Amino acid sequence: MSTLGKKLYRWVDDRVHLGDLIEFMGKKYVPVHRGSIWYYFGGVTLFLFLIQVITGILLLLYYKGSEDLAFESIQFLMSKVSFGWLIRSVHSWSANLFILAAFIHMFSVFFEKSYRPPREMTWLSGMFMLFLGFGFGFSGYLLPWNELAFFATKVGTDIAGVIPLVGKPMMIFLRGGEDVTGATLSRFFGFHVAVLPGLFTVLLGIHLLLVQRQGMSEPLGAEDSPAADKKTMPFFPNFLLRDLLFWLIVLNVLAILAVFFPWELGQKADAFAPAPAGIRPEWYFLFMFQTLKYLPAQLWIVDGEVLGILLFALAGILWTLVPFWDRKSAKGQQSRIITYVGIGAIVYILVFTILGWLF
């Protein structure tokens, strides 16, 4: 370290005690086992969220959240602002990769049974952040105010509107009225840049605090093994450097996608134009959308679409509450049924996502 660097370090250390922080990080250890690779996807998800925050702030410098100016402001950004198209493309691709990384992280935690006591709160905070991630995707999809986003939002809010009792008020709340209008755009803009980021930041702080407090989970049975048989690595610098390497790989993948597959803008939304063919949601909603398409209009006395939505809601609640009903894992025993449920969920999501993409 140069003399200037040492002086700067000492100046900061005298005020915030960096040495204590480094000493604390040096005492943190990460378990090493065959599933250790999955630990890094939590960090990757955090990294992609940070990229979205940075690129989102840059987009805010030019975006106008109104019906008359939203499309034109993005058009100006992409055509006139230096590297504006790249910033928007990075923001869009990082949003999709964020959901993918969050899915991988969530399923790895599920299969490792890392939600078992005392980590129930860690699982719950992570699941709530995943749901907020869906909210980011749904609210951000409308902001360009293009044709595809307009009609996809109309379909999405229509689906929410069929939920018994709360559906109609929920639809009006989301739209800011009976129909998708400029009021909907303003409302989604507020959700996307203020409400959801605020809630997500609070949950993220809680989640990281819990992970630091409880440490990273070990596979079932590893806690009972002799200390001599356990392998660990220091969090700082060993694990942190590996985490940063993963971030660098993801950054390269993101750059390739943004440059070679730039995000298109499409045509400006027109409420009086017919809906374009092939309207469908983002890929992470596609398996639910395709399932609703396959359900018959009427099942006994229940509307097929309503039944599908209620079943998805029930499945989401049960999945979120798995630490409280998986009593076998809570006792430190392997639960094959839970594993089969997870495998079934992955197969189901993949098959119906592919079907939705093809048909």
Protein backbone atom coordinates (compact mmCIF):
# COMPACT_ATOMS: atom_id res chain seq x y z
CA MET A 1 0.00 0.00 0.00
CA SER A 2 1.35 3.45 -0.91
CA THR A 3 2.17 6.05 1.71
CA LEU A 4 -0.88 8.11 0.65
CA GLY A 5 -3.07 5.02 0.89
CA LYS A 6 -1.79 4.24 4.38
CA LYS A 7 -2.45 7.78 5.54
CA LEU A 8 -5.95 7.69 4.12
CA TYR A 9 -6.63 4.32 5.75
CA ARG A 10 -5.36 5.58 9.14
CA TRP A 11 -7.47 8.75 8.82
CA VAL A 12 -10.64 6.71 8.16
CA ASP A 13 -9.71 4.07 10.75
CA ASP A 14 -9.32 6.71 13.46
CA ARG A 15 -12.91 7.81 12.86
CA VAL A 16 -14.88 4.64 12.05
CA HIS A 17 -12.55 1.90 13.39
CA LEU A 18 -12.15 -0.06 10.15
CA GLY A 19 -9.73 -2.41 11.92
CA ASP A 20 -12.52 -3.68 14.17
CA LEU A 21 -14.72 -4.35 11.14
CA ILE A 22 -11.95 -6.22 9.32
CA GLU A 23 -11.18 -8.22 12.45
CA PHE A 24 -14.88 -9.09 12.81
CA MET A 25 -15.10 -10.18 9.15
CA GLY A 26 -11.95 -12.26 9.57
CA LYS A 27 -13.62 -14.24 12.35
CA LYS A 28 -16.61 -15.14 10.15
CA TYR A 29 -16.35 -18.53 8.48
CA VAL A 30 -18.34 -20.06 5.63
CA PRO A 31 -19.05 -23.83 5.56
CA VAL A 32 -17.42 -25.71 2.70
CA HIS A 33 -19.34 -28.69 1.28
CA ARG A 34 -20.63 -30.02 -2.04
CA GLY A 35 -23.48 -27.47 -2.07
CA SER A 36 -21.32 -24.42 -1.29
CA ILE A 37 -21.65 -23.17 -4.88
CA TRP A 38 -25.27 -22.18 -4.18
CA TYR A 39 -24.17 -19.69 -1.52
CA TYR A 40 -22.96 -17.34 -4.24
CA PHE A 41 -26.37 -16.83 -5.84
CA GLY A 42 -27.51 -14.79 -2.87
CA GLY A 43 -24.64 -12.38 -3.54
CA VAL A 44 -25.37 -12.42 -7.29
CA THR A 45 -28.99 -11.46 -6.59
CA LEU A 46 -27.79 -8.56 -4.42
CA PHE A 47 -25.34 -7.47 -7.13
CA LEU A 48 -28.05 -7.41 -9.80
CA PHE A 49 -30.32 -5.40 -7.50
CA LEU A 50 -27.54 -2.83 -7.05
CA ILE A 51 -27.13 -2.60 -10.83
CA GLN A 52 -30.85 -1.96 -11.18
CA VAL A 53 -30.68 0.80 -8.58
CA ILE A 54 -27.75 2.52 -10.33
CA THR A 55 -29.17 2.22 -13.86
CA GLY A 56 -32.64 3.13 -12.58
CA ILE A 57 -31.31 6.39 -11.13
CA LEU A 58 -29.65 7.18 -14.48
CA LEU A 59 -32.91 6.48 -16.33
CA LEU A 60 -34.79 8.75 -13.93
CA LEU A 61 -32.71 11.69 -15.15
CA TYR A 62 -34.57 11.54 -18.49
CA TYR A 63 -37.80 9.62 -17.86
CA LYS A 64 -41.11 11.53 -17.71
CA GLY A 65 -43.80 9.55 -15.92
CA SER A 66 -46.85 10.82 -17.80
CA GLU A 67 -49.08 9.42 -20.54
CA ASP A 68 -48.06 12.10 -23.03
CA LEU A 69 -44.30 12.04 -22.43
CA ALA A 70 -43.30 8.57 -21.13
CA PHE A 71 -42.79 6.90 -24.52
CA GLU A 72 -41.14 9.97 -26.07
CA SER A 73 -38.76 10.38 -23.13
CA ILE A 74 -37.47 6.82 -23.53
CA GLN A 75 -37.31 7.27 -27.29
CA PHE A 76 -35.17 10.37 -26.74
CA LEU A 77 -33.01 8.52 -24.22
CA MET A 78 -32.35 5.66 -26.63
CA SER A 79 -31.72 7.76 -29.73
CA LYS A 80 -30.18 11.02 -28.53
CA VAL A 81 -28.49 10.40 -25.17
CA SER A 82 -25.00 8.90 -25.34
CA PHE A 83 -25.22 5.23 -24.31
CA GLY A 84 -28.83 5.76 -23.24
CA TRP A 85 -29.89 2.63 -25.12
CA LEU A 86 -27.21 0.67 -23.27
CA ILE A 87 -28.31 1.90 -19.82
CA ARG A 88 -31.92 0.95 -20.55
CA SER A 89 -30.87 -2.44 -21.92
CA VAL A 90 -28.68 -3.16 -18.88
CA HIS A 91 -31.56 -2.16 -16.58
CA SER A 92 -34.03 -4.45 -18.36
CA TRP A 93 -31.70 -7.43 -18.62
CA SER A 94 -30.52 -7.09 -15.02
CA ALA A 95 -34.17 -7.13 -13.91
CA ASN A 96 -34.70 -10.46 -15.64
CA LEU A 97 -31.43 -11.92 -14.39
CA PHE A 98 -32.31 -10.68 -10.89
CA ILE A 99 -35.50 -12.78 -10.90
CA LEU A 100 -33.61 -15.78 -12.31
CA ALA A 101 -30.88 -15.53 -9.65
CA ALA A 102 -33.52 -15.08 -6.93
CA PHE A 103 -35.32 -18.22 -8.16
CA ILE A 104 -32.07 -20.22 -8.11
CA HIS A 105 -31.21 -18.92 -4.64
CA MET A 106 -34.69 -19.68 -3.33
CA PHE A 107 -34.73 -23.25 -4.69
CA SER A 108 -31.20 -23.95 -3.41
CA VAL A 109 -32.29 -22.85 0.07
CA PHE A 110 -35.41 -24.99 -0.28
CA PHE A 111 -33.54 -28.16 -1.29
CA GLU A 112 -30.86 -27.65 1.37
CA LYS A 113 -33.68 -27.25 3.94
CA SER A 114 -31.93 -24.08 5.06
CA TYR A 115 -35.25 -22.64 6.19
CA ARG A 116 -35.28 -24.92 9.23
CA PRO A 117 -34.94 -23.44 12.75
CA PRO A 118 -33.55 -20.98 13.61
CA ARG A 119 -33.66 -19.52 10.07
CA GLU A 120 -37.42 -19.22 9.55
CA MET A 121 -37.26 -15.41 9.55
CA THR A 122 -34.45 -15.46 6.98
CA TRP A 123 -36.59 -17.58 4.66
CA LEU A 124 -39.65 -15.36 5.16
CA SER A 125 -37.73 -12.15 4.46
CA GLY A 126 -36.24 -13.74 1.33
CA MET A 127 -39.65 -14.87 0.07
CA PHE A 128 -41.16 -11.43 0.64
CA MET A 129 -38.28 -9.93 -1.35
CA LEU A 130 -38.97 -12.38 -4.18
CA PHE A 131 -42.62 -11.28 -4.25
CA LEU A 132 -41.48 -7.65 -4.29
CA GLY A 133 -39.21 -8.58 -7.21
CA PHE A 134 -42.30 -9.73 -9.10
CA GLY A 135 -43.86 -6.38 -8.21
CA PHE A 136 -40.82 -4.58 -9.65
CA GLY A 137 -41.21 -6.50 -12.89
CA PHE A 138 -44.96 -5.95 -13.18
CA SER A 139 -44.84 -2.22 -12.36
CA GLY A 140 -41.76 -1.51 -14.47
CA TYR A 141 -43.18 -3.28 -17.52
CA LEU A 142 -45.74 -0.50 -18.10
CA LEU A 143 -43.38 2.47 -17.71
CA PRO A 144 -42.24 2.65 -21.39
CA TRP A 145 -45.96 3.09 -22.23
CA ASN A 146 -45.62 1.00 -25.37
CA GLU A 147 -48.28 -1.11 -27.03
CA LEU A 148 -47.22 -4.48 -25.64
CA ALA A 149 -46.83 -3.22 -22.06
CA PHE A 150 -50.19 -1.43 -22.15
CA PHE A 151 -52.22 -4.49 -23.15
CA ALA A 152 -50.18 -6.88 -20.99
CA THR A 153 -50.91 -4.65 -17.98
CA LYS A 154 -54.59 -4.59 -18.92
CA VAL A 155 -54.67 -8.39 -19.04
CA GLY A 156 -52.70 -8.69 -15.78
CA THR A 157 -54.94 -6.33 -13.85
CA ASP A 158 -58.03 -7.98 -15.37
CA ILE A 159 -56.81 -11.29 -13.92
CA ALA A 160 -56.37 -9.69 -10.50
CA GLY A 161 -59.89 -8.30 -10.83
CA VAL A 162 -61.57 -11.72 -10.92
CA ILE A 163 -60.44 -12.62 -7.38
CA PRO A 164 -63.58 -12.97 -5.24
CA LEU A 165 -64.42 -10.10 -2.84
CA VAL A 166 -61.11 -8.20 -3.09
CA GLY A 167 -60.54 -8.46 -6.85
CA LYS A 168 -62.49 -5.44 -8.04
CA PRO A 169 -61.13 -3.02 -5.39
CA MET A 170 -57.62 -4.37 -6.04
CA MET A 171 -57.96 -3.79 -9.79
CA ILE A 172 -59.20 -0.22 -9.26
CA PHE A 173 -56.39 0.42 -6.78
CA LEU A 174 -53.76 -0.85 -9.23
CA ARG A 175 -55.19 1.05 -12.21
CA GLY A 176 -56.14 4.22 -10.38
CA GLY A 177 -59.59 3.87 -11.93
CA GLU A 178 -61.70 1.50 -14.00
CA ASP A 179 -59.35 1.37 -17.01
CA VAL A 180 -55.62 1.42 -17.76
CA THR A 181 -54.89 5.13 -18.30
CA GLY A 182 -52.29 7.74 -17.52
CA ALA A 183 -53.34 7.45 -13.88
CA THR A 184 -52.23 3.80 -13.99
CA LEU A 185 -48.87 4.85 -15.40
CA SER A 186 -48.36 7.44 -12.64
CA ARG A 187 -49.36 4.91 -9.99
CA PHE A 188 -47.05 2.19 -11.34
CA PHE A 189 -44.24 4.75 -11.58
CA GLY A 190 -44.69 5.59 -7.90
CA PHE A 191 -44.73 1.91 -6.96
CA HIS A 192 -41.64 1.19 -9.05
CA VAL A 193 -39.36 4.01 -7.91
CA ALA A 194 -40.52 4.68 -4.34
CA VAL A 195 -42.84 2.21 -2.60
CA LEU A 196 -41.30 -1.08 -3.71
CA PRO A 197 -37.63 0.01 -3.39
CA GLY A 198 -38.32 1.33 0.11
CA LEU A 199 -39.94 -1.92 1.25
CA PHE A 200 -37.26 -3.99 -0.49
CA THR A 201 -34.42 -2.04 1.17
CA VAL A 202 -35.89 -2.59 4.63
CA LEU A 203 -36.33 -6.32 4.00
CA LEU A 204 -32.85 -6.56 2.49
CA GLY A 205 -31.33 -4.99 5.59
CA ILE A 206 -33.22 -7.45 7.81
CA HIS A 207 -32.23 -10.39 5.58
CA LEU A 208 -28.53 -9.50 5.57
CA LEU A 209 -28.55 -8.88 9.31
CA LEU A 210 -30.10 -12.32 9.91
CA VAL A 211 -27.57 -14.02 7.63
CA GLN A 212 -24.69 -12.31 9.43
CA ARG A 213 -26.16 -13.08 12.82
CA GLN A 214 -26.96 -16.75 12.18
CA GLY A 215 -24.26 -17.58 9.64
CA MET A 216 -24.74 -19.64 6.52
CA SER A 217 -26.70 -22.83 6.87
CA GLU A 218 -25.01 -26.21 6.72
CA PRO A 219 -26.55 -29.33 5.15
CA LEU A 220 -28.74 -31.54 7.33
CA GLY A 221 -26.68 -33.58 9.75
CA ALA A 222 -23.54 -31.46 9.34
CA GLU A 223 -24.20 -29.55 12.57
CA ASP A 224 -23.90 -32.80 14.54
CA SER A 225 -20.62 -33.88 12.93
CA PRO A 226 -17.36 -33.52 14.88
CA ALA A 227 -15.65 -30.15 14.51
CA ALA A 228 -12.58 -31.86 13.05
CA ASP A 229 -14.65 -33.15 10.10
CA LYS A 230 -16.08 -29.74 9.20
CA LYS A 231 -14.47 -27.69 6.45
CA THR A 232 -14.73 -23.91 6.45
CA MET A 233 -13.20 -20.90 4.75
CA PRO A 234 -12.81 -17.36 6.13
CA PHE A 235 -15.48 -14.96 4.90
CA PHE A 236 -12.82 -12.27 4.47
CA PRO A 237 -11.01 -12.36 2.17
CA ASN A 238 -11.52 -15.91 0.77
CA PHE A 239 -15.29 -16.10 0.34
CA LEU A 240 -15.63 -12.39 -0.44
CA LEU A 241 -13.10 -12.60 -3.29
CA ARG A 242 -14.90 -15.63 -4.77
CA ASP A 243 -18.17 -13.73 -4.47
CA LEU A 244 -16.67 -10.77 -6.32
CA LEU A 245 -15.43 -13.15 -9.03
CA PHE A 246 -19.01 -14.37 -9.54
CA TRP A 247 -20.13 -10.75 -9.75
CA LEU A 248 -17.55 -10.12 -12.46
CA ILE A 249 -18.76 -13.14 -14.47
CA VAL A 250 -22.38 -11.99 -14.16
CA LEU A 251 -21.39 -8.46 -15.20
CA ASN A 252 -19.80 -9.87 -18.37
CA VAL A 253 -22.91 -11.94 -19.16
CA LEU A 254 -25.07 -8.87 -18.57
CA ALA A 255 -22.89 -6.73 -20.85
CA ILE A 256 -23.05 -9.32 -23.65
CA LEU A 257 -26.84 -9.54 -23.42
CA ALA A 258 -27.26 -5.75 -23.29
CA VAL A 259 -24.99 -5.09 -26.27
CA PHE A 260 -25.95 -7.93 -28.60
CA PHE A 261 -29.63 -8.19 -27.62
CA PRO A 262 -30.67 -4.60 -26.85
CA TRP A 263 -34.12 -4.06 -25.36
CA GLU A 264 -36.62 -2.88 -27.96
CA LEU A 265 -39.09 -0.04 -27.40
CA GLY A 266 -41.87 -0.97 -29.82
CA GLN A 267 -44.86 1.23 -30.67
CA LYS A 268 -46.50 3.81 -28.45
CA ALA A 269 -49.59 2.60 -26.56
CA ASP A 270 -52.97 3.41 -28.05
CA ALA A 271 -56.00 2.51 -25.94
CA PHE A 272 -58.26 2.57 -29.01
CA ALA A 273 -56.09 0.25 -31.12
CA PRO A 274 -56.78 -3.50 -31.17
CA ALA A 275 -54.60 -5.62 -28.94
CA PRO A 276 -51.61 -7.03 -30.85
CA ALA A 277 -51.38 -10.78 -31.31
CA GLY A 278 -49.29 -12.81 -28.91
CA ILE A 279 -49.79 -10.71 -25.77
CA ARG A 280 -48.04 -12.43 -22.90
CA PRO A 281 -46.37 -11.42 -19.64
CA GLU A 282 -42.70 -11.60 -18.70
CA TRP A 283 -41.23 -15.10 -18.53
CA TYR A 284 -41.50 -15.39 -14.73
CA PHE A 285 -45.29 -14.96 -14.94
CA LEU A 286 -45.62 -17.12 -18.03
CA PHE A 287 -46.22 -20.48 -16.32
CA MET A 288 -49.17 -19.03 -14.38
CA PHE A 289 -50.55 -17.28 -17.47
CA GLN A 290 -50.33 -20.48 -19.53
CA THR A 291 -52.01 -22.52 -16.80
CA LEU A 292 -54.96 -20.11 -16.73
CA LYS A 293 -55.27 -20.45 -20.52
CA TYR A 294 -55.59 -24.25 -20.23
CA LEU A 295 -58.26 -24.16 -17.52
CA PRO A 296 -61.85 -24.52 -18.77
CA ALA A 297 -64.15 -21.52 -18.45
CA GLN A 298 -66.27 -23.28 -15.85
CA LEU A 299 -65.42 -26.01 -13.33
CA TRP A 300 -68.63 -27.10 -11.63
CA ILE A 301 -69.96 -23.88 -10.15
CA VAL A 302 -66.59 -22.11 -10.03
CA ASP A 303 -65.09 -19.95 -12.77
CA GLY A 304 -61.94 -21.69 -14.05
CA GLU A 305 -59.80 -18.56 -13.98
CA VAL A 306 -60.86 -17.75 -10.41
CA LEU A 307 -60.04 -21.29 -9.28
CA GLY A 308 -56.61 -21.10 -10.92
CA ILE A 309 -55.75 -17.81 -9.23
CA LEU A 310 -56.90 -19.08 -5.84
CA LEU A 311 -54.83 -22.26 -6.24
CA PHE A 312 -51.72 -20.23 -7.16
CA ALA A 313 -52.29 -17.98 -4.14
CA LEU A 314 -52.67 -21.03 -1.87
CA ALA A 315 -49.52 -22.63 -3.32
CA GLY A 316 -47.58 -19.39 -2.74
CA ILE A 317 -48.74 -19.17 0.87
CA LEU A 318 -47.89 -22.82 1.58
CA TRP A 319 -44.48 -22.42 -0.06
CA THR A 320 -43.75 -19.31 2.02
CA LEU A 321 -44.78 -21.07 5.22
CA VAL A 322 -42.82 -24.28 4.55
CA PRO A 323 -40.59 -23.80 7.65
CA PHE A 324 -43.68 -24.13 9.84
CA TRP A 325 -45.25 -27.24 8.30
CA ASP A 326 -42.10 -29.19 7.38
CA ARG A 327 -41.70 -30.63 10.87
CA LYS A 328 -39.35 -33.40 9.74
CA SER A 329 -36.63 -31.02 8.55
CA ALA A 330 -37.13 -28.97 11.71
CA LYS A 331 -36.04 -32.03 13.67
CA GLY A 332 -32.91 -32.42 11.52
CA GLN A 333 -34.28 -35.33 9.45
CA GLN A 334 -34.36 -35.67 5.68
CA SER A 335 -37.80 -35.13 4.15
CA ARG A 336 -38.06 -36.74 0.72
CA ILE A 337 -41.60 -35.50 0.21
CA ILE A 338 -40.40 -31.89 0.44
CA THR A 339 -37.63 -32.65 -2.06
CA TYR A 340 -40.13 -34.20 -4.49
CA VAL A 341 -42.41 -31.18 -4.09
CA GLY A 342 -39.50 -28.89 -5.03
CA ILE A 343 -38.55 -31.01 -8.06
CA GLY A 344 -42.20 -31.06 -9.14
CA ALA A 345 -42.42 -27.28 -8.84
CA ILE A 346 -39.31 -26.79 -11.01
CA VAL A 347 -40.55 -29.22 -13.68
CA TYR A 348 -43.98 -27.59 -13.68
CA ILE A 349 -42.55 -24.05 -14.02
CA LEU A 350 -40.17 -25.09 -16.82
CA VAL A 351 -42.76 -27.04 -18.83
CA PHE A 352 -45.49 -24.40 -18.67
CA THR A 353 -43.02 -21.57 -19.30
CA ILE A 354 -41.81 -23.33 -22.46
CA LEU A 355 -45.41 -24.02 -23.54
CA GLY A 356 -46.29 -20.38 -22.94
CA TRP A 357 -43.31 -19.24 -24.97
CA LEU A 358 -44.06 -21.59 -27.89
CA PHE A 359 -47.82 -21.30 -27.96
